[in-house]
Structures are given as C-alpha cells and as structure tokens.
Amino acid sequence: MSLCACCCSCGPKMPVLQLLFLACLVWELGARTAQLRKANDRSGRCQYTFTVASPTESSCPGEDQAMSAIQDLQRDSGIQHAELVSAKARLSSLESLLHQLTLGQATGTKEAHEGLQGQLGALRRERDQLETQTRDLEVAYNNLLRDKSALEEQKRQLEQENEDLARRLEGSSQEVARLRRGQCPSTQHSSQDMLPGSREVSQWNLDTLAFQELKSELTEVPASQILKGSPSGQPRSKEGDKGCGELIWVGEPVTLRTAETITGKYGVWMRDPKPAHPYTQETTWRIDTVGTGIRQVFEYSLISQFEQGYPSKVYVLPRALESTGAVVYAGSLYFQGAESRTVFRYELNTELLKAEKEIPGAGYHGQFPYAWGGYTDIDLAVDENGLWVIYSTEEAKGAIVLSRLNPENLELERTWETNIRKQSVANAFVICGTLYTVSSYSSAQATVNFAYHTGTGVSKAVSIPFQNRYKYSSMIDYNPLERKLFAWDNFNMVTYDIKLSEM
C-alpha cells in the first residue's frame, strides 16, 4: 500500500499546495494509519509532514490527478450546497404549511365547538318542548278522566230516571186500564161530605209527567184544544197566567207567516213582553239573518200587517248583528254584534245604541254554536225574571253557561254553569228561571230534553214532545207575556202554546 504525503511548511505556500493538502485530508479520511512529522528544512524553517496511507491507490497521483480530485470535490460541494438550499426551501415550505394547518385546525375546532353548542341548544329546546307537550297531554288526560267520570255519573242518573219513568209508565198503564173499566180510584170523602160547589180532587199528582200523559190519552182530542185561550197568533193575558211552574207540555206549531226569499231561510222574530210606548203587545219585529252585514229590522205595528208582510217601519242598525239570538225587551232590541262577543242594547224609539257589554270569555262566530250552526254562540232570552244570555266558554269546555243581565247597562248580575253541552242541543230558552233545551232542529218529532233550574243549580233529563214541522228550527224563544214559544222553522214563523205545572 502506497502512502500519500502532504507537506505543509510554517511559512506561506502556494494555494495549490494548500488545496492539495486539504484534498489529501479528505481523500485519505478512510485511511487506517497516519503519520505526522515535524522538522526544519534547509533554510531552518519549521515544516510539518503528514503521511497517510491510501486505501485504494498503490502510488500517489500526480499534480493533474490532484486538481481533478479537487474539482470533483468542488462540484460535489456545489451539488450538496444546492441540495441544502433546496432542502432549506422545502423545510420553509413545510413550516409554512404546518403553520397554516395549525391555524386551520384551530379555526375548525372553534367552528366545530360553535356547531356543537348550537346542536346542544336545539336539543335542549326540543327537550323543553317535549316536556311542555307532556304536561299538556297529562292535563288533557286528567280533563278527559274528569269528563269520563261526569259522563258516567250522568249515565247513572239517566238510568235511574229511566227506571223511574218505566215504573211511572207502568202505573199509568194500570190506571188507564182501571179507568177504562170504570174502576176509578175511590175518594176519601163521599159526595154527601163535599161542600156545595166543590169538586172531587184526584189523588194524582198534577205536577207529574205521568199525569199529563194519562190526561192526554183519556181526552183523545188534539192537545191544542185542551188549553183555553185566544187563537195562537193573538196575544193573550189572563188572570193566573203569571204564575210560574215547570214546563210539562208543548202544543203543535201554528204557522203565522212564511218568508218570501232565500234570505228568510232562517231568522228571528219577536214581540216585546214588556212593551213601552209607543209600542204595544201586538208590535212585531222580524230580522232575516241569512248572509253577512245584517242591519235591517222590520217592524209591524199590527199582527195583521206581520201576517200579510207589510212592515210599518224599517230600522237600519248602526252595528251589524249575527245569528238568531236577538230579543226585544222593554222597548229595546238586544243583539250580538257580528264576529264579536259583545252584546248591544239598541233603543228602538230613539234609534240609538244605549249600552254594550262584552260577555267574558264567551265563544263567538262558530266556536260554541247550537247543533245546527249558524254562529249561534250567543243567544239572548227573556222570561218572567228579565233578560238572559246563553253561551259557552273555553273554561266551561263547551257546556252551556247562563247569565242574567241588567237590561239597562248589560252588566252580568249572576252566572250559572250547567253540565249540558251546547253543541249537543238544537236550541234553548228560559221559562221562570229554568233553562230548557231542544234535542233536534231537523227531526219532526223532537223533544225538550233537558231542564236546568237556576234556583237549585240542578239539571235533569226530561222528555216533552216538540214538533219541528218544517224540519229546520233555527230560533226558539219564549214570550212570558203571551206564554208561548216563538220559533223560525225553515222560512216559517210559528208559535207553540205551552203548559206549566201549578206551583
């Protein structure tokens, strides 16, 4: 193995020799052995001599070969420098990308956090809504349970009343059989014990429905002939008529007039049970209520004018009315304003609105009407005690609410809540402080089916025959002066005689 010796003196040398020395150092880096010698040259200057064995060459290269090696080293150094610059550029690029990714991750994390917060808020709102719906359903369920209990109690009462009626009917049948055989019940006193002019009194309770059924069957004549009074179309006022009692009989309808046009399909007609000058108990008012913007009120001074269709005056109301619930009382027309729960008092003589009152919570414009519809949510009525309003509320859950009104200022004086569903009955009226309802507006053979006594606050089922001759009764009102029911039945204005039990 040859040695490559590189010499360096302490004094200045040619650059080429320095490069040759460095080349030798790099070239011979992998050499196994190296020697360093120090000695003075001929001129006495210190000279260092390194001797390194070449791992591949058997002899030292010449000067040309050394320059080639140095050039190779310079080229490799340039390549490495370029690679270093390229690596540095790539590193800077990677650092920039890393920085951008770090910023993007932070932004994405913030956006993701905000999104999660939004979803959490939505879930909380949904949870609150579900809890509210759950509470509402629980309340509705509890209300249904209460309604169910009330209906079961009503069913029990109806079954008991049905049994009572069956027993009374059986007793009536037996009594009829005895009477037809001439086996009349014996009286407590003989004819000799009776005072002159007196008459034998039956042991029957005259207030019971069974007695009225028996009486009707025994007479075997039209029921309208039982009552003695004026013709049905004429007002009547008779001694003893002012006494109150329970309704026990309704006569056959008597038709007074038929409307000429389609606007008379349904409406309301009335007379004043407490007439004030210049009106009389014959003065009649009529309102056709088909359509919207109802403002015309027709007045007939005489009953003959009403029957012939010749009004003596036409009023134009300052406010449109709604439905068939209007009444006339003490010289004023009382009516419900269109699409409102407000009741108005219109003085007919002065043609001025004198009072108005919103009925608290009352349904209107089809919320709680009678079974036939027609926006009959608020129905006014008159009886021996004064002015009434029949309606329902959300709080009453559709049951009929009855309030007595002050006729001057329309303030509510007292209110009763019944257990009769307003939309299950065709109409209602008040007689002697008792509310009565009619079962159907279209069945020819309907009944007065419920009675609610304001004095006791108790309702009961009744079954008094009521005829809808023209099969569309849209208005039924009571006139306490004439002791008749006024009705509007499918274009026809009719009256019914009635009979009250003696108190």
Protein backbone atom coordinates (compact mmCIF):
# COMPACT_ATOMS: atom_id res chain seq x y z
CA MET A 1 0.00 0.00 0.00
CA SER A 2 1.50 3.34 -1.04
CA LEU A 3 1.49 6.45 1.08
CA CYS A 4 0.32 9.86 0.03
CA ALA A 5 2.38 12.51 1.78
CA CYS A 6 1.14 16.02 2.12
CA CYS A 7 3.57 18.58 3.34
CA CYS A 8 2.95 22.00 4.85
CA SER A 9 5.55 24.44 5.98
CA CYS A 10 5.10 27.08 8.62
CA GLY A 11 5.67 29.78 6.09
CA PRO A 12 3.49 30.81 3.19
CA LYS A 13 2.98 28.31 0.38
CA MET A 14 1.24 28.28 -2.93
CA PRO A 15 -2.52 27.95 -2.83
CA VAL A 16 -2.43 24.90 -4.92
CA LEU A 17 -0.36 23.12 -2.32
CA GLN A 18 -2.90 24.09 0.38
CA LEU A 19 -5.70 22.68 -1.70
CA LEU A 20 -3.65 19.60 -2.35
CA PHE A 21 -3.17 19.25 1.38
CA LEU A 22 -6.91 19.55 2.07
CA ALA A 23 -7.65 17.10 -0.71
CA CYS A 24 -5.32 14.65 0.81
CA LEU A 25 -7.01 15.04 4.16
CA VAL A 26 -10.46 14.38 2.68
CA TRP A 27 -9.32 11.76 0.26
CA GLU A 28 -7.42 9.80 2.87
CA LEU A 29 -10.20 10.13 5.52
CA GLY A 30 -10.79 6.41 5.46
CA ALA A 31 -7.12 5.55 5.77
CA ARG A 32 -6.15 3.23 8.55
CA THR A 33 -2.88 4.93 9.53
CA ALA A 34 -1.48 8.45 9.53
CA GLN A 35 1.87 9.92 10.47
CA LEU A 36 2.82 13.48 11.42
CA ARG A 37 6.37 14.66 11.35
CA LYS A 38 7.87 18.00 12.23
CA ALA A 39 11.38 19.11 11.10
CA ASN A 40 13.36 22.14 9.96
CA ASP A 41 14.00 22.46 6.26
CA ARG A 42 17.27 23.54 4.78
CA SER A 43 16.65 27.15 5.47
CA GLY A 44 15.87 26.42 9.11
CA ARG A 45 12.07 26.90 8.90
CA CYS A 46 9.71 24.54 10.71
CA GLN A 47 7.98 22.07 8.42
CA TYR A 48 5.12 19.66 9.28
CA THR A 49 4.77 16.49 7.22
CA PHE A 50 1.61 14.22 7.29
CA THR A 51 1.81 10.77 5.90
CA VAL A 52 -1.49 8.88 5.26
CA ALA A 53 -1.76 5.51 3.60
CA SER A 54 -4.14 5.48 0.60
CA PRO A 55 -6.84 2.81 0.84
CA THR A 56 -7.15 2.40 -2.92
CA GLU A 57 -4.10 3.77 -4.67
CA SER A 58 -0.87 1.97 -4.84
CA SER A 59 1.00 5.21 -5.55
CA CYS A 60 0.36 8.93 -5.10
CA PRO A 61 -1.34 10.65 -8.02
CA GLY A 62 0.31 13.32 -9.93
CA GLU A 63 -0.49 17.01 -9.92
CA ASP A 64 -3.08 16.66 -12.67
CA GLN A 65 -4.89 13.95 -10.81
CA ALA A 66 -4.94 16.09 -7.64
CA MET A 67 -6.51 19.02 -9.48
CA SER A 68 -9.17 16.67 -10.91
CA ALA A 69 -9.94 15.42 -7.41
CA ILE A 70 -10.18 18.98 -6.16
CA GLN A 71 -12.59 19.86 -8.98
CA ASP A 72 -14.68 16.82 -8.17
CA LEU A 73 -14.76 17.90 -4.56
CA GLN A 74 -15.81 21.41 -5.59
CA ARG A 75 -18.55 20.03 -7.83
CA ASP A 76 -19.80 17.70 -5.14
CA SER A 77 -19.72 20.59 -2.69
CA GLY A 78 -21.82 22.73 -5.11
CA ILE A 79 -24.29 19.91 -5.58
CA GLN A 80 -24.54 19.45 -1.85
CA HIS A 81 -24.93 23.20 -1.38
CA ALA A 82 -27.76 23.24 -3.98
CA GLU A 83 -29.37 20.29 -2.26
CA LEU A 84 -29.01 22.06 1.07
CA VAL A 85 -30.63 25.21 -0.35
CA SER A 86 -33.45 23.06 -1.83
CA ALA A 87 -33.91 21.25 1.47
CA LYS A 88 -33.99 24.56 3.29
CA ALA A 89 -36.65 25.85 0.84
CA ARG A 90 -38.69 22.68 1.32
CA LEU A 91 -38.32 22.98 5.06
CA SER A 92 -39.56 26.58 4.94
CA SER A 93 -42.49 25.45 2.80
CA LEU A 94 -43.26 22.66 5.25
CA GLU A 95 -43.06 25.10 8.16
CA SER A 96 -45.48 27.42 6.32
CA LEU A 97 -47.86 24.55 5.60
CA LEU A 98 -47.63 23.40 9.21
CA HIS A 99 -48.43 26.92 10.40
CA GLN A 100 -51.43 27.12 8.06
CA LEU A 101 -52.62 23.70 9.18
CA THR A 102 -52.26 24.72 12.81
CA LEU A 103 -54.31 27.88 12.18
CA GLY A 104 -56.91 25.91 10.17
CA GLN A 105 -57.18 23.29 12.89
CA ALA A 106 -57.75 25.99 15.49
CA THR A 107 -60.40 27.67 13.32
CA GLY A 108 -62.03 24.33 12.57
CA THR A 109 -62.06 23.48 16.25
CA LYS A 110 -63.76 26.80 17.05
CA GLU A 111 -66.35 26.31 14.31
CA ALA A 112 -66.91 22.73 15.42
CA HIS A 113 -67.32 23.92 19.01
CA GLU A 114 -69.86 26.54 17.96
CA GLY A 115 -71.73 23.93 15.88
CA LEU A 116 -71.86 21.55 18.84
CA GLN A 117 -73.10 24.37 21.07
CA GLY A 118 -75.88 25.13 18.54
CA GLN A 119 -76.92 21.49 18.36
CA LEU A 120 -76.91 21.26 22.14
CA GLY A 121 -79.14 24.35 22.38
CA ALA A 122 -81.55 22.88 19.79
CA LEU A 123 -81.70 19.61 21.72
CA ARG A 124 -82.43 21.50 24.93
CA ARG A 125 -85.23 23.43 23.22
CA GLU A 126 -86.69 20.20 21.85
CA ARG A 127 -86.48 18.69 25.34
CA ASP A 128 -88.34 21.70 26.79
CA GLN A 129 -91.00 21.44 24.07
CA LEU A 130 -91.42 17.71 24.72
CA GLU A 131 -91.74 18.37 28.45
CA THR A 132 -94.36 21.07 27.77
CA GLN A 133 -96.27 18.74 25.43
CA THR A 134 -96.07 16.01 28.06
CA ARG A 135 -97.53 18.32 30.69
CA ASP A 136 -100.29 19.42 28.28
CA LEU A 137 -101.11 15.80 27.48
CA GLU A 138 -101.24 14.98 31.20
CA VAL A 139 -103.61 17.90 31.78
CA ALA A 140 -105.78 16.84 28.82
CA TYR A 141 -105.76 13.26 30.09
CA ASN A 142 -106.84 14.37 33.55
CA ASN A 143 -109.60 16.51 32.00
CA LEU A 144 -110.76 13.51 29.97
CA LEU A 145 -110.84 11.41 33.13
CA ARG A 146 -112.95 14.05 34.86
CA ASP A 147 -115.27 14.26 31.84
CA LYS A 148 -115.49 10.49 31.80
CA SER A 149 -116.44 10.44 35.47
CA ALA A 150 -119.04 13.16 34.90
CA LEU A 151 -120.49 11.27 31.93
CA GLU A 152 -120.62 8.06 33.94
CA GLU A 153 -122.46 9.92 36.71
CA GLN A 154 -124.88 11.37 34.16
CA LYS A 155 -125.36 7.91 32.69
CA ARG A 156 -126.12 6.54 36.14
CA GLN A 157 -128.61 9.34 36.77
CA LEU A 158 -130.24 8.79 33.38
CA GLU A 159 -130.55 5.07 34.04
CA GLN A 160 -132.15 5.78 37.39
CA GLU A 161 -134.54 8.30 35.83
CA ASN A 162 -135.30 5.81 33.08
CA GLU A 163 -136.21 3.22 35.70
CA ASP A 164 -138.40 5.78 37.47
CA LEU A 165 -140.13 6.64 34.21
CA ALA A 166 -140.67 2.97 33.47
CA ARG A 167 -142.29 2.48 36.86
CA ARG A 168 -144.45 5.55 36.39
CA LEU A 169 -145.43 4.40 32.91
CA GLU A 170 -146.42 1.02 34.29
CA GLY A 171 -148.50 2.71 36.96
CA SER A 172 -150.08 4.97 34.32
CA SER A 173 -150.96 1.98 32.16
CA GLN A 174 -152.60 0.22 35.06
CA GLU A 175 -154.54 3.38 35.96
CA VAL A 176 -155.69 3.78 32.36
CA ALA A 177 -156.89 0.20 32.34
CA ARG A 178 -158.85 0.74 35.54
CA LEU A 179 -160.36 3.99 34.28
CA ARG A 180 -161.47 2.37 31.03
CA ARG A 181 -163.15 -0.40 33.02
CA GLY A 182 -164.88 2.24 35.14
CA GLN A 183 -162.91 1.38 38.23
CA CYS A 184 -161.99 4.91 39.29
CA PRO A 185 -159.98 5.36 42.49
CA SER A 186 -162.15 5.94 45.48
CA THR A 187 -162.07 9.31 47.11
CA GLN A 188 -161.55 9.96 50.76
CA HIS A 189 -164.92 11.72 51.13
CA SER A 190 -168.33 10.76 49.90
CA SER A 191 -170.43 13.10 47.82
CA GLN A 192 -172.53 13.92 50.89
CA ASP A 193 -169.45 15.26 52.68
CA MET A 194 -168.50 17.60 49.88
CA LEU A 195 -169.36 21.25 50.15
CA PRO A 196 -171.69 22.76 47.56
CA GLY A 197 -169.76 23.94 44.52
CA SER A 198 -166.71 21.90 45.35
CA ARG A 199 -165.41 19.16 43.10
CA GLU A 200 -163.66 15.89 43.70
CA VAL A 201 -159.86 16.09 43.53
CA SER A 202 -157.91 13.18 42.04
CA GLN A 203 -155.20 11.55 44.07
CA TRP A 204 -152.86 12.01 41.11
CA ASN A 205 -150.00 14.47 41.45
CA LEU A 206 -150.84 17.06 38.82
CA ASP A 207 -147.19 18.12 38.54
CA THR A 208 -146.01 14.78 37.21
CA LEU A 209 -145.41 13.93 33.59
CA ALA A 210 -147.27 10.63 34.07
CA PHE A 211 -150.47 12.55 34.88
CA GLN A 212 -150.13 14.67 31.75
CA GLU A 213 -149.60 11.55 29.61
CA LEU A 214 -152.68 9.98 31.20
CA LYS A 215 -154.75 13.12 30.72
CA SER A 216 -153.76 13.35 27.05
CA GLU A 217 -154.62 9.69 26.47
CA LEU A 218 -158.01 9.93 28.20
CA THR A 219 -159.22 13.01 26.37
CA GLU A 220 -158.23 11.64 22.95
CA VAL A 221 -158.57 15.08 21.39
CA PRO A 222 -155.86 17.28 19.81
CA ALA A 223 -153.68 18.63 22.58
CA SER A 224 -154.05 22.20 21.32
CA GLN A 225 -157.74 22.08 22.28
CA ILE A 226 -157.00 21.31 25.93
CA LEU A 227 -155.85 24.88 26.54
CA LYS A 228 -158.45 27.57 26.61
CA GLY A 229 -157.29 30.93 25.37
CA SER A 230 -157.01 33.19 22.40
CA PRO A 231 -156.03 31.96 18.90
CA SER A 232 -152.35 31.11 18.76
CA GLY A 233 -151.46 34.10 16.66
CA GLN A 234 -153.03 36.61 19.05
CA PRO A 235 -151.51 37.90 22.28
CA ARG A 236 -153.24 36.88 25.46
CA SER A 237 -153.03 37.99 29.04
CA LYS A 238 -155.22 36.16 31.52
CA GLU A 239 -155.73 36.04 35.26
CA GLY A 240 -153.45 33.41 36.72
CA ASP A 241 -151.14 33.29 33.69
CA LYS A 242 -148.34 34.96 35.62
CA GLY A 243 -147.83 32.01 37.94
CA CYS A 244 -144.62 30.09 37.37
CA GLY A 245 -144.09 26.36 37.19
CA GLU A 246 -142.24 23.70 35.25
CA LEU A 247 -142.83 23.14 31.54
CA ILE A 248 -144.87 19.98 31.10
CA TRP A 249 -146.37 20.29 27.61
CA VAL A 250 -145.72 21.99 24.24
CA GLY A 251 -148.51 22.23 21.71
CA GLU A 252 -148.49 21.84 17.95
CA PRO A 253 -146.89 24.62 15.88
CA VAL A 254 -149.16 27.29 14.36
CA THR A 255 -147.75 28.97 11.24
CA LEU A 256 -148.27 32.74 11.08
CA ARG A 257 -146.10 33.71 8.13
CA THR A 258 -143.71 32.28 5.52
CA ALA A 259 -140.70 34.21 4.25
CA GLU A 260 -140.71 35.09 0.56
CA THR A 261 -136.98 34.94 -0.35
CA ILE A 262 -133.92 32.83 0.33
CA THR A 263 -132.78 35.33 2.96
CA GLY A 264 -135.67 34.07 5.09
CA LYS A 265 -134.29 30.51 5.34
CA TYR A 266 -133.63 31.31 8.97
CA GLY A 267 -134.05 34.39 11.11
CA VAL A 268 -135.59 35.75 14.30
CA TRP A 269 -138.95 37.32 15.09
CA MET A 270 -140.30 38.59 18.40
CA ARG A 271 -142.72 40.71 20.38
CA ASP A 272 -141.97 42.77 23.46
CA PRO A 273 -143.19 41.01 26.65
CA LYS A 274 -142.82 44.34 28.46
CA PRO A 275 -143.95 46.87 25.81
CA ALA A 276 -143.20 50.55 26.28
CA HIS A 277 -144.87 53.46 24.49
CA PRO A 278 -145.31 53.85 21.53
CA TYR A 279 -145.23 50.06 21.13
CA THR A 280 -147.94 47.60 22.11
CA GLN A 281 -148.05 43.87 22.74
CA GLU A 282 -149.08 43.45 19.09
CA THR A 283 -145.99 45.17 17.70
CA THR A 284 -143.84 42.57 15.99
CA TRP A 285 -140.23 42.70 14.80
CA ARG A 286 -138.55 40.47 12.27
CA ILE A 287 -134.90 40.04 11.14
CA ASP A 288 -133.76 37.85 8.23
CA THR A 289 -130.31 36.59 9.23
CA VAL A 290 -129.08 34.81 6.09
CA GLY A 291 -125.92 36.48 4.74
CA THR A 292 -123.46 39.00 6.17
CA GLY A 293 -123.75 42.61 7.26
CA ILE A 294 -127.23 42.07 8.76
CA ARG A 295 -128.57 45.50 9.80
CA GLN A 296 -132.25 45.67 8.74
CA VAL A 297 -135.01 45.22 11.33
CA PHE A 298 -138.62 45.14 10.08
CA GLU A 299 -141.34 46.47 12.39
CA TYR A 300 -145.05 45.62 12.12
CA SER A 301 -147.46 47.68 14.22
CA LEU A 302 -150.27 45.13 13.92
CA ILE A 303 -150.28 41.35 13.77
CA SER A 304 -152.28 41.53 10.55
CA GLN A 305 -149.50 43.59 8.96
CA PHE A 306 -146.99 40.95 10.05
CA GLU A 307 -149.05 38.11 8.64
CA GLN A 308 -149.50 39.95 5.32
CA GLY A 309 -145.87 41.05 5.09
CA TYR A 310 -146.36 44.85 5.19
CA PRO A 311 -143.84 46.44 7.57
CA SER A 312 -144.71 49.80 9.08
CA LYS A 313 -141.05 50.73 9.60
CA VAL A 314 -137.56 49.50 8.76
CA TYR A 315 -134.64 50.18 11.12
CA VAL A 316 -131.01 50.18 9.98
CA LEU A 317 -128.78 49.22 12.89
CA PRO A 318 -125.51 51.13 13.45
CA ARG A 319 -123.76 47.80 14.04
CA ALA A 320 -124.24 44.57 12.10
CA LEU A 321 -125.71 41.71 14.13
CA GLU A 322 -125.00 38.00 13.99
CA SER A 323 -127.24 34.94 14.08
CA THR A 324 -130.70 34.41 15.54
CA GLY A 325 -130.22 35.30 19.21
CA ALA A 326 -131.81 38.79 19.28
CA VAL A 327 -134.73 39.74 21.55
CA VAL A 328 -136.88 42.81 22.25
CA TYR A 329 -137.47 43.75 25.87
CA ALA A 330 -138.81 46.96 27.49
CA GLY A 331 -138.57 48.98 24.26
CA SER A 332 -135.01 47.96 23.33
CA LEU A 333 -133.55 45.48 20.87
CA TYR A 334 -130.76 43.34 22.33
CA PHE A 335 -128.41 41.62 19.90
CA GLN A 336 -124.92 40.16 19.46
CA GLY A 337 -122.52 42.18 17.30
CA ALA A 338 -121.17 40.43 14.22
CA GLU A 339 -117.97 38.45 14.82
CA SER A 340 -117.69 39.55 18.45
CA ARG A 341 -118.68 38.52 21.95
CA THR A 342 -120.25 41.95 22.54
CA VAL A 343 -123.97 42.36 23.27
CA PHE A 344 -125.65 45.67 22.33
CA ARG A 345 -128.77 47.43 23.58
CA TYR A 346 -130.47 49.44 20.82
CA GLU A 347 -133.33 51.69 21.93
CA LEU A 348 -135.98 51.44 19.23
CA ASN A 349 -137.78 54.71 19.95
CA THR A 350 -134.63 56.88 19.73
CA GLU A 351 -132.76 54.56 17.32
CA LEU A 352 -129.62 54.87 19.43
CA LEU A 353 -127.20 52.41 20.99
CA LYS A 354 -127.65 52.80 24.73
CA ALA A 355 -125.27 50.17 26.10
CA GLU A 356 -122.80 47.47 25.10
CA LYS A 357 -121.10 44.71 27.05
CA GLU A 358 -118.51 42.09 26.18
CA ILE A 359 -119.53 38.73 27.65
CA PRO A 360 -116.36 37.50 29.42
CA GLY A 361 -114.80 34.51 27.68
CA ALA A 362 -117.87 33.78 25.56
CA GLY A 363 -117.28 31.85 22.35
CA TYR A 364 -118.41 33.57 19.18
CA HIS A 365 -118.58 33.19 15.38
CA GLY A 366 -118.86 29.41 15.35
CA GLN A 367 -116.83 28.46 18.42
CA PHE A 368 -119.70 27.12 20.58
CA PRO A 369 -122.89 27.23 18.47
CA TYR A 370 -126.03 25.11 18.77
CA ALA A 371 -126.11 21.86 16.85
CA TRP A 372 -127.47 23.48 13.67
CA GLY A 373 -124.61 26.02 13.49
CA GLY A 374 -125.43 29.47 12.17
CA TYR A 375 -122.95 31.25 14.52
CA THR A 376 -125.46 30.76 17.36
CA ASP A 377 -122.76 31.08 20.02
CA ILE A 378 -124.56 33.83 21.98
CA ASP A 379 -128.32 33.54 22.43
CA LEU A 380 -130.37 36.14 24.30
CA ALA A 381 -133.59 35.18 26.09
CA VAL A 382 -136.38 36.76 28.13
CA ASP A 383 -138.60 35.27 30.84
CA GLU A 384 -140.62 36.37 33.87
CA ASN A 385 -137.38 37.32 35.67
CA GLY A 386 -135.91 39.52 32.95
CA LEU A 387 -133.07 39.33 30.41
CA TRP A 388 -130.72 36.35 29.99
CA VAL A 389 -127.78 35.37 27.80
CA ILE A 390 -126.99 31.74 26.87
CA TYR A 391 -123.43 30.96 25.75
CA SER A 392 -120.34 28.86 26.50
CA THR A 393 -116.65 29.40 27.25
CA GLU A 394 -113.31 27.59 26.96
CA GLU A 395 -113.27 27.32 30.74
CA ALA A 396 -116.67 25.58 30.68
CA LYS A 397 -115.37 23.24 27.94
CA GLY A 398 -118.41 23.82 25.73
CA ALA A 399 -121.06 23.41 28.42
CA ILE A 400 -123.91 25.92 28.47
CA VAL A 401 -123.31 28.97 30.65
CA LEU A 402 -126.35 31.05 31.65
CA SER A 403 -126.09 34.65 32.88
CA ARG A 404 -128.77 37.10 33.95
CA LEU A 405 -128.19 40.60 32.55
CA ASN A 406 -129.13 44.03 33.80
CA PRO A 407 -131.38 45.32 30.98
CA GLU A 408 -130.14 48.90 31.38
CA ASN A 409 -126.35 48.55 31.32
CA LEU A 410 -125.97 44.84 30.39
CA GLU A 411 -123.86 44.06 33.45
CA LEU A 412 -123.83 40.39 34.45
CA GLU A 413 -125.83 40.03 37.65
CA ARG A 414 -125.33 36.31 38.19
CA THR A 415 -123.95 33.35 36.24
CA TRP A 416 -124.64 29.59 36.28
CA GLU A 417 -122.54 26.90 34.59
CA THR A 418 -124.51 23.82 33.55
CA ASN A 419 -123.43 20.32 32.55
CA ILE A 420 -125.33 20.46 29.23
CA ARG A 421 -123.11 20.50 26.13
CA LYS A 422 -124.20 23.43 23.99
CA GLN A 423 -123.29 21.84 20.67
CA SER A 424 -125.31 18.72 21.50
CA VAL A 425 -128.65 20.55 21.61
CA ALA A 426 -130.54 22.35 18.85
CA ASN A 427 -131.71 25.41 20.81
CA ALA A 428 -132.53 26.69 24.29
CA PHE A 429 -134.93 29.06 26.03
CA VAL A 430 -135.71 30.17 29.59
CA ILE A 431 -139.06 29.92 31.40
CA CYS A 432 -139.49 31.00 35.01
CA GLY A 433 -135.74 30.90 35.65
CA THR A 434 -135.37 27.39 34.23
CA LEU A 435 -133.27 26.71 31.13
CA TYR A 436 -134.78 24.23 28.66
CA THR A 437 -133.07 22.67 25.63
CA VAL A 438 -134.44 21.05 22.47
CA SER A 439 -132.95 17.79 21.24
CA SER A 440 -133.04 18.31 17.44
CA TYR A 441 -133.60 21.09 14.93
CA SER A 442 -134.43 18.77 11.99
CA SER A 443 -136.30 15.79 13.44
CA ALA A 444 -140.04 16.17 13.00
CA GLN A 445 -140.62 14.55 16.39
CA ALA A 446 -138.01 16.11 18.70
CA THR A 447 -138.20 16.63 22.46
CA VAL A 448 -137.45 19.20 25.10
CA ASN A 449 -134.74 17.03 26.62
CA PHE A 450 -133.05 18.91 29.49
CA ALA A 451 -134.09 21.36 32.20
CA TYR A 452 -131.67 23.31 34.39
CA HIS A 453 -133.13 25.03 37.47
CA THR A 454 -131.24 28.17 38.44
CA GLY A 455 -132.89 28.11 41.85
CA THR A 456 -131.32 24.76 42.77
CA GLY A 457 -128.42 24.62 40.32
CA VAL A 458 -129.53 21.11 39.30
CA SER A 459 -130.25 19.80 35.80
CA LYS A 460 -132.40 16.85 34.88
CA ALA A 461 -133.42 14.99 31.77
CA VAL A 462 -136.99 15.49 30.54
CA SER A 463 -138.89 14.26 27.54
CA ILE A 464 -141.54 16.70 26.36
CA PRO A 465 -142.58 16.21 22.71
CA PHE A 466 -141.65 19.08 20.41
CA GLN A 467 -142.54 19.20 16.71
CA ASN A 468 -140.24 20.60 14.03
CA ARG A 469 -142.95 20.68 11.38
CA TYR A 470 -140.70 22.14 8.66
CA LYS A 471 -137.57 20.32 9.87
CA TYR A 472 -135.17 23.25 10.31
CA SER A 473 -135.79 25.20 13.50
CA SER A 474 -133.14 27.90 13.79
CA MET A 475 -134.67 30.01 16.56
CA ILE A 476 -136.85 29.20 19.60
CA ASP A 477 -137.70 31.90 22.17
CA TYR A 478 -140.19 32.24 25.00
CA ASN A 479 -142.57 35.20 25.38
CA PRO A 480 -143.62 35.41 29.05
CA LEU A 481 -146.46 37.85 28.32
CA GLU A 482 -148.21 35.53 25.85
CA ARG A 483 -146.96 32.28 27.42
CA LYS A 484 -145.94 31.00 24.00
CA LEU A 485 -142.83 29.80 22.25
CA PHE A 486 -141.87 31.72 19.10
CA ALA A 487 -139.84 29.80 16.50
CA TRP A 488 -138.43 30.17 13.00
CA ASP A 489 -138.67 26.84 11.17
CA ASN A 490 -137.28 26.71 7.61
CA PHE A 491 -138.74 30.01 6.21
CA ASN A 492 -141.79 29.73 8.52
CA MET A 493 -142.57 31.83 11.60
CA VAL A 494 -144.54 29.69 14.05
CA THR A 495 -145.80 29.73 17.65
CA TYR A 496 -146.33 26.97 20.22
CA ASP A 497 -148.76 27.03 23.11
CA ILE A 498 -147.27 25.67 26.32
CA LYS A 499 -148.49 24.39 29.67
CA LEU A 500 -146.72 24.88 33.01
CA SER A 501 -147.31 22.87 36.13
CA GLU A 502 -149.05 24.60 39.03
CA MET A 503 -146.81 25.58 41.90
